[in-house]
N, C-alpha and C. Protein backbone atom coordinates (compact mmCIF):
# COMPACT_ATOMS: atom_id res chain seq x y z
N MET A 1 103.12 126.11 82.10
CA MET A 1 102.66 126.66 82.86
C MET A 1 102.61 125.51 84.07
N ILE A 2 102.33 126.17 85.49
CA ILE A 2 102.60 125.62 86.44
C ILE A 2 101.22 125.05 87.24
N ILE A 3 100.82 124.01 87.58
CA ILE A 3 99.61 124.12 88.12
C ILE A 3 99.84 123.24 89.92
N LYS A 4 99.49 124.05 90.71
CA LYS A 4 99.52 123.41 92.16
C LYS A 4 98.06 123.41 92.55
N PRO A 5 97.60 121.89 92.93
CA PRO A 5 96.32 121.67 93.47
C PRO A 5 96.41 122.52 95.03
N ILE A 6 94.98 123.06 95.07
CA ILE A 6 94.73 123.30 96.73
C ILE A 6 94.18 122.56 97.32
N GLY A 7 94.37 122.52 98.61
CA GLY A 7 93.62 121.16 99.67
C GLY A 7 94.41 119.93 99.23
N GLU A 8 93.67 119.08 99.75
CA GLU A 8 94.05 117.75 99.71
C GLU A 8 93.54 116.92 98.19
N ARG A 9 94.39 117.36 97.15
CA ARG A 9 93.67 117.23 95.84
C ARG A 9 95.37 116.86 95.05
N VAL A 10 95.11 115.82 94.29
CA VAL A 10 96.14 115.77 93.39
C VAL A 10 95.91 115.77 91.92
N LEU A 11 96.60 116.44 91.14
CA LEU A 11 96.73 116.64 89.57
C LEU A 11 97.45 115.29 89.01
N ILE A 12 96.55 114.29 88.38
CA ILE A 12 96.85 113.12 87.65
C ILE A 12 97.11 113.07 86.16
N LYS A 13 97.96 112.84 85.51
CA LYS A 13 98.07 112.38 83.83
C LYS A 13 97.42 111.22 83.81
N HIS A 14 95.89 111.32 83.26
CA HIS A 14 95.57 109.92 83.11
C HIS A 14 96.51 109.20 82.15
N MET A 15 96.72 107.91 82.37
CA MET A 15 96.88 106.53 81.23
C MET A 15 96.26 106.50 80.23
N LYS A 16 96.62 106.72 79.12
CA LYS A 16 95.73 106.33 77.92
C LYS A 16 95.53 104.56 77.76
N LYS A 17 94.09 104.42 77.23
CA LYS A 17 93.97 103.01 77.44
C LYS A 17 94.73 102.43 76.36
N GLU A 18 94.74 100.93 76.05
CA GLU A 18 95.69 100.39 75.17
C GLU A 18 94.74 100.29 73.80
N GLU A 19 95.45 100.58 72.99
CA GLU A 19 94.49 100.23 71.72
C GLU A 19 94.85 98.82 71.12
N VAL A 20 95.99 98.29 71.23
CA VAL A 20 96.34 97.30 70.71
C VAL A 20 97.21 96.59 71.75
N THR A 21 96.70 94.98 72.11
CA THR A 21 97.32 93.71 72.66
C THR A 21 98.64 93.63 72.39
N LYS A 22 99.37 93.05 73.55
CA LYS A 22 100.65 92.77 73.02
C LYS A 22 101.17 91.64 72.00
N GLY A 23 99.68 91.08 71.76
CA GLY A 23 99.99 90.02 70.70
C GLY A 23 99.40 90.83 68.92
N GLY A 24 99.30 92.19 69.34
CA GLY A 24 99.01 92.96 68.19
C GLY A 24 97.55 92.75 67.43
N ILE A 25 96.64 92.20 68.73
CA ILE A 25 95.48 92.52 68.48
C ILE A 25 94.44 94.01 68.70
N TYR A 26 94.12 94.46 67.72
CA TYR A 26 93.59 95.75 68.09
C TYR A 26 92.09 95.75 69.17
N ILE A 27 91.92 96.61 69.75
CA ILE A 27 90.71 96.40 70.53
C ILE A 27 89.87 97.59 70.63
N PRO A 28 88.92 97.25 69.82
CA PRO A 28 87.85 98.50 69.57
C PRO A 28 87.30 99.20 70.95
N GLU A 29 87.10 100.39 70.80
CA GLU A 29 86.83 101.55 71.75
C GLU A 29 85.93 100.95 72.57
N SER A 30 84.86 100.54 72.20
CA SER A 30 83.93 99.96 72.98
C SER A 30 84.11 98.76 73.86
N ALA A 31 85.17 97.86 73.66
CA ALA A 31 85.43 96.96 74.60
C ALA A 31 86.43 97.08 75.28
N ARG A 32 87.11 98.20 75.11
CA ARG A 32 88.27 98.74 76.23
C ARG A 32 87.84 98.99 77.75
N LYS A 33 88.50 98.47 78.74
CA LYS A 33 88.10 99.22 79.86
C LYS A 33 88.61 100.36 80.33
N GLU A 34 88.22 101.24 81.13
CA GLU A 34 88.47 102.69 81.63
C GLU A 34 89.33 102.04 82.50
N ARG A 35 90.76 102.18 82.55
CA ARG A 35 91.60 101.93 83.62
C ARG A 35 91.81 103.28 84.68
N LYS A 36 91.88 103.14 85.66
CA LYS A 36 91.77 104.03 86.71
C LYS A 36 93.31 104.32 87.15
N GLU A 37 94.07 104.71 86.51
CA GLU A 37 95.41 104.77 86.39
C GLU A 37 96.11 105.98 86.06
N GLY A 38 97.14 106.50 86.46
CA GLY A 38 97.75 107.38 85.98
C GLY A 38 99.02 107.91 86.57
N PHE A 39 99.60 109.03 86.49
CA PHE A 39 100.94 109.34 87.22
C PHE A 39 100.69 110.90 87.68
N VAL A 40 101.50 111.05 88.61
CA VAL A 40 101.12 112.21 89.46
C VAL A 40 101.97 113.41 88.81
N VAL A 41 101.27 114.73 88.69
CA VAL A 41 101.68 115.77 88.08
C VAL A 41 102.12 116.80 89.07
N ALA A 42 101.06 116.82 89.98
CA ALA A 42 101.36 117.74 91.25
C ALA A 42 100.47 117.47 92.53
N VAL A 43 101.13 117.97 93.58
CA VAL A 43 100.21 117.41 94.73
C VAL A 43 99.88 118.68 95.61
N GLY A 44 98.65 118.63 96.18
CA GLY A 44 98.44 119.40 97.44
C GLY A 44 99.01 119.24 98.47
N THR A 45 98.23 120.17 99.44
CA THR A 45 98.64 119.43 101.04
C THR A 45 97.51 119.50 101.83
N PHE A 46 97.70 118.60 103.22
CA PHE A 46 96.68 118.24 104.22
C PHE A 46 96.19 119.86 104.66
N GLU A 47 95.45 119.73 105.25
CA GLU A 47 94.89 121.30 105.95
C GLU A 47 95.94 121.94 106.75
N ASP A 48 96.53 121.21 107.41
CA ASP A 48 97.59 121.60 108.50
C ASP A 48 98.80 122.07 107.68
N GLY A 49 98.90 122.02 106.49
CA GLY A 49 100.38 122.43 105.57
C GLY A 49 100.95 121.23 105.31
N LYS A 50 101.00 120.07 106.04
CA LYS A 50 101.80 119.13 105.96
C LYS A 50 101.65 118.27 104.14
N GLU A 51 102.87 117.79 103.86
CA GLU A 51 102.63 117.46 102.59
C GLU A 51 102.06 116.02 102.55
N LEU A 52 101.49 115.94 101.33
CA LEU A 52 100.67 114.69 101.08
C LEU A 52 101.93 113.46 100.76
N PRO A 53 101.58 112.15 101.32
CA PRO A 53 102.51 111.36 100.87
C PRO A 53 102.66 110.90 99.60
N LEU A 54 102.64 111.77 98.57
CA LEU A 54 103.05 111.57 97.13
C LEU A 54 103.93 112.42 96.50
N LYS A 55 104.91 111.94 95.50
CA LYS A 55 105.28 112.73 95.08
C LYS A 55 105.25 112.93 93.43
N LYS A 56 105.54 113.81 92.46
CA LYS A 56 105.26 114.17 91.44
C LYS A 56 106.14 112.70 90.47
N GLY A 57 105.27 112.20 89.51
CA GLY A 57 105.81 111.14 88.74
C GLY A 57 105.27 109.84 89.31
N ASP A 58 105.02 109.50 90.41
CA ASP A 58 104.42 108.18 91.23
C ASP A 58 103.28 107.63 90.11
N HIS A 59 103.10 106.57 89.97
CA HIS A 59 102.34 105.96 89.44
C HIS A 59 101.35 105.32 90.27
N VAL A 60 99.90 105.61 89.95
CA VAL A 60 99.19 105.47 91.14
C VAL A 60 97.90 105.08 90.42
N LEU A 61 97.05 104.09 91.33
CA LEU A 61 95.79 103.64 91.09
C LEU A 61 94.61 104.81 92.00
N TYR A 62 93.62 104.79 91.25
CA TYR A 62 92.59 106.02 92.00
C TYR A 62 91.38 105.23 91.67
N GLY A 63 90.24 105.86 92.70
CA GLY A 63 89.04 105.23 92.42
C GLY A 63 88.04 106.49 92.48
N GLY A 64 86.79 106.01 93.25
CA GLY A 64 86.03 107.60 93.19
C GLY A 64 85.12 107.70 91.71
N TYR A 65 84.17 108.63 92.13
CA TYR A 65 83.36 108.92 91.18
C TYR A 65 83.32 110.35 90.62
N GLN A 66 83.95 111.06 91.27
CA GLN A 66 84.16 112.44 90.96
C GLN A 66 85.70 112.90 90.98
N SER A 67 85.49 113.29 89.79
CA SER A 67 87.11 113.98 89.47
C SER A 67 86.89 115.27 88.64
N ASP A 68 87.71 116.23 88.41
CA ASP A 68 87.64 117.26 87.56
C ASP A 68 88.57 117.09 86.49
N GLU A 69 88.28 117.18 85.05
CA GLU A 69 89.00 116.82 84.06
C GLU A 69 89.39 117.96 83.35
N ILE A 70 90.70 118.26 83.12
CA ILE A 70 91.25 119.40 82.34
C ILE A 70 92.19 118.57 81.46
N GLU A 71 92.29 119.81 80.46
CA GLU A 71 93.22 119.27 79.06
C GLU A 71 94.54 120.10 79.24
N ILE A 72 95.63 119.42 79.47
CA ILE A 72 96.84 120.15 79.27
C ILE A 72 98.05 119.73 78.31
N ASP A 73 98.12 120.85 77.48
CA ASP A 73 99.10 120.31 76.18
C ASP A 73 98.29 119.14 75.65
N GLY A 74 97.25 119.25 75.20
CA GLY A 74 96.42 118.33 74.26
C GLY A 74 95.97 117.03 75.02
N GLU A 75 96.41 116.54 76.22
CA GLU A 75 96.35 115.41 77.19
C GLU A 75 95.48 115.50 78.57
N LYS A 76 94.79 114.37 78.52
CA LYS A 76 93.54 114.48 79.78
C LYS A 76 94.48 114.35 81.10
N HIS A 77 93.99 115.37 81.81
CA HIS A 77 94.38 115.31 83.39
C HIS A 77 93.28 115.33 84.42
N LEU A 78 93.70 115.07 85.72
CA LEU A 78 92.38 114.72 86.38
C LEU A 78 92.91 115.66 87.54
N PHE A 79 91.64 116.16 88.26
CA PHE A 79 92.05 116.64 89.82
C PHE A 79 91.20 115.50 90.57
N VAL A 80 91.88 114.91 91.86
CA VAL A 80 91.40 113.71 92.25
C VAL A 80 91.48 114.06 93.65
N ASP A 81 90.70 113.78 94.56
CA ASP A 81 90.81 113.89 95.82
C ASP A 81 92.13 112.90 96.44
N PHE A 82 92.80 113.14 97.41
CA PHE A 82 93.59 112.32 98.05
C PHE A 82 93.21 111.03 98.17
N LYS A 83 91.94 111.34 99.04
CA LYS A 83 90.98 110.17 99.53
C LYS A 83 90.78 109.22 98.55
N ASP A 84 90.78 109.61 97.28
CA ASP A 84 90.52 108.53 96.26
C ASP A 84 91.70 107.73 95.82
N ILE A 85 92.87 108.17 96.14
CA ILE A 85 94.08 107.53 95.78
C ILE A 85 94.01 106.31 96.38
N LEU A 86 93.91 104.96 95.77
CA LEU A 86 93.93 104.02 95.97
C LEU A 86 95.23 103.06 96.39
N ALA A 87 96.42 103.27 95.74
CA ALA A 87 97.91 102.79 95.78
C ALA A 87 98.59 103.37 94.83
N VAL A 88 99.86 103.18 95.38
CA VAL A 88 100.95 103.51 94.76
C VAL A 88 101.65 102.17 94.01
N VAL A 89 101.67 102.40 92.64
CA VAL A 89 102.34 101.14 92.14
C VAL A 89 103.65 101.24 91.72
N GLU A 90 104.43 100.24 92.53
CA GLU A 90 105.87 100.12 92.57
C GLU A 90 106.41 99.22 91.54
N GLU A 91 107.23 99.67 90.60
CA GLU A 91 108.20 98.44 89.54
C GLU A 91 108.90 97.67 90.33
N GLU A 92 109.20 96.51 90.19
CA GLU A 92 109.92 95.54 90.57
C GLU A 92 111.00 95.85 90.15
């Protein structure tokens, strides 16, 4: 299935919460922080048809209070407005 966001929206595959620390300690669900980060799956366009400055596979941080959640192949995905994308994470 190919999903193409319409307008200034981005489809993001939500990054799962860590259940175990690097030291091997289990983190109970009640203590886990909801990290607002994920990977870009698909990108819409600006109103004038120009491409948004994101590409498939980008690791992003996002904010905002509104997003539409869908499940694709058993994994959580979100439609986020482009204005709610805070940063692209670049690996060193």
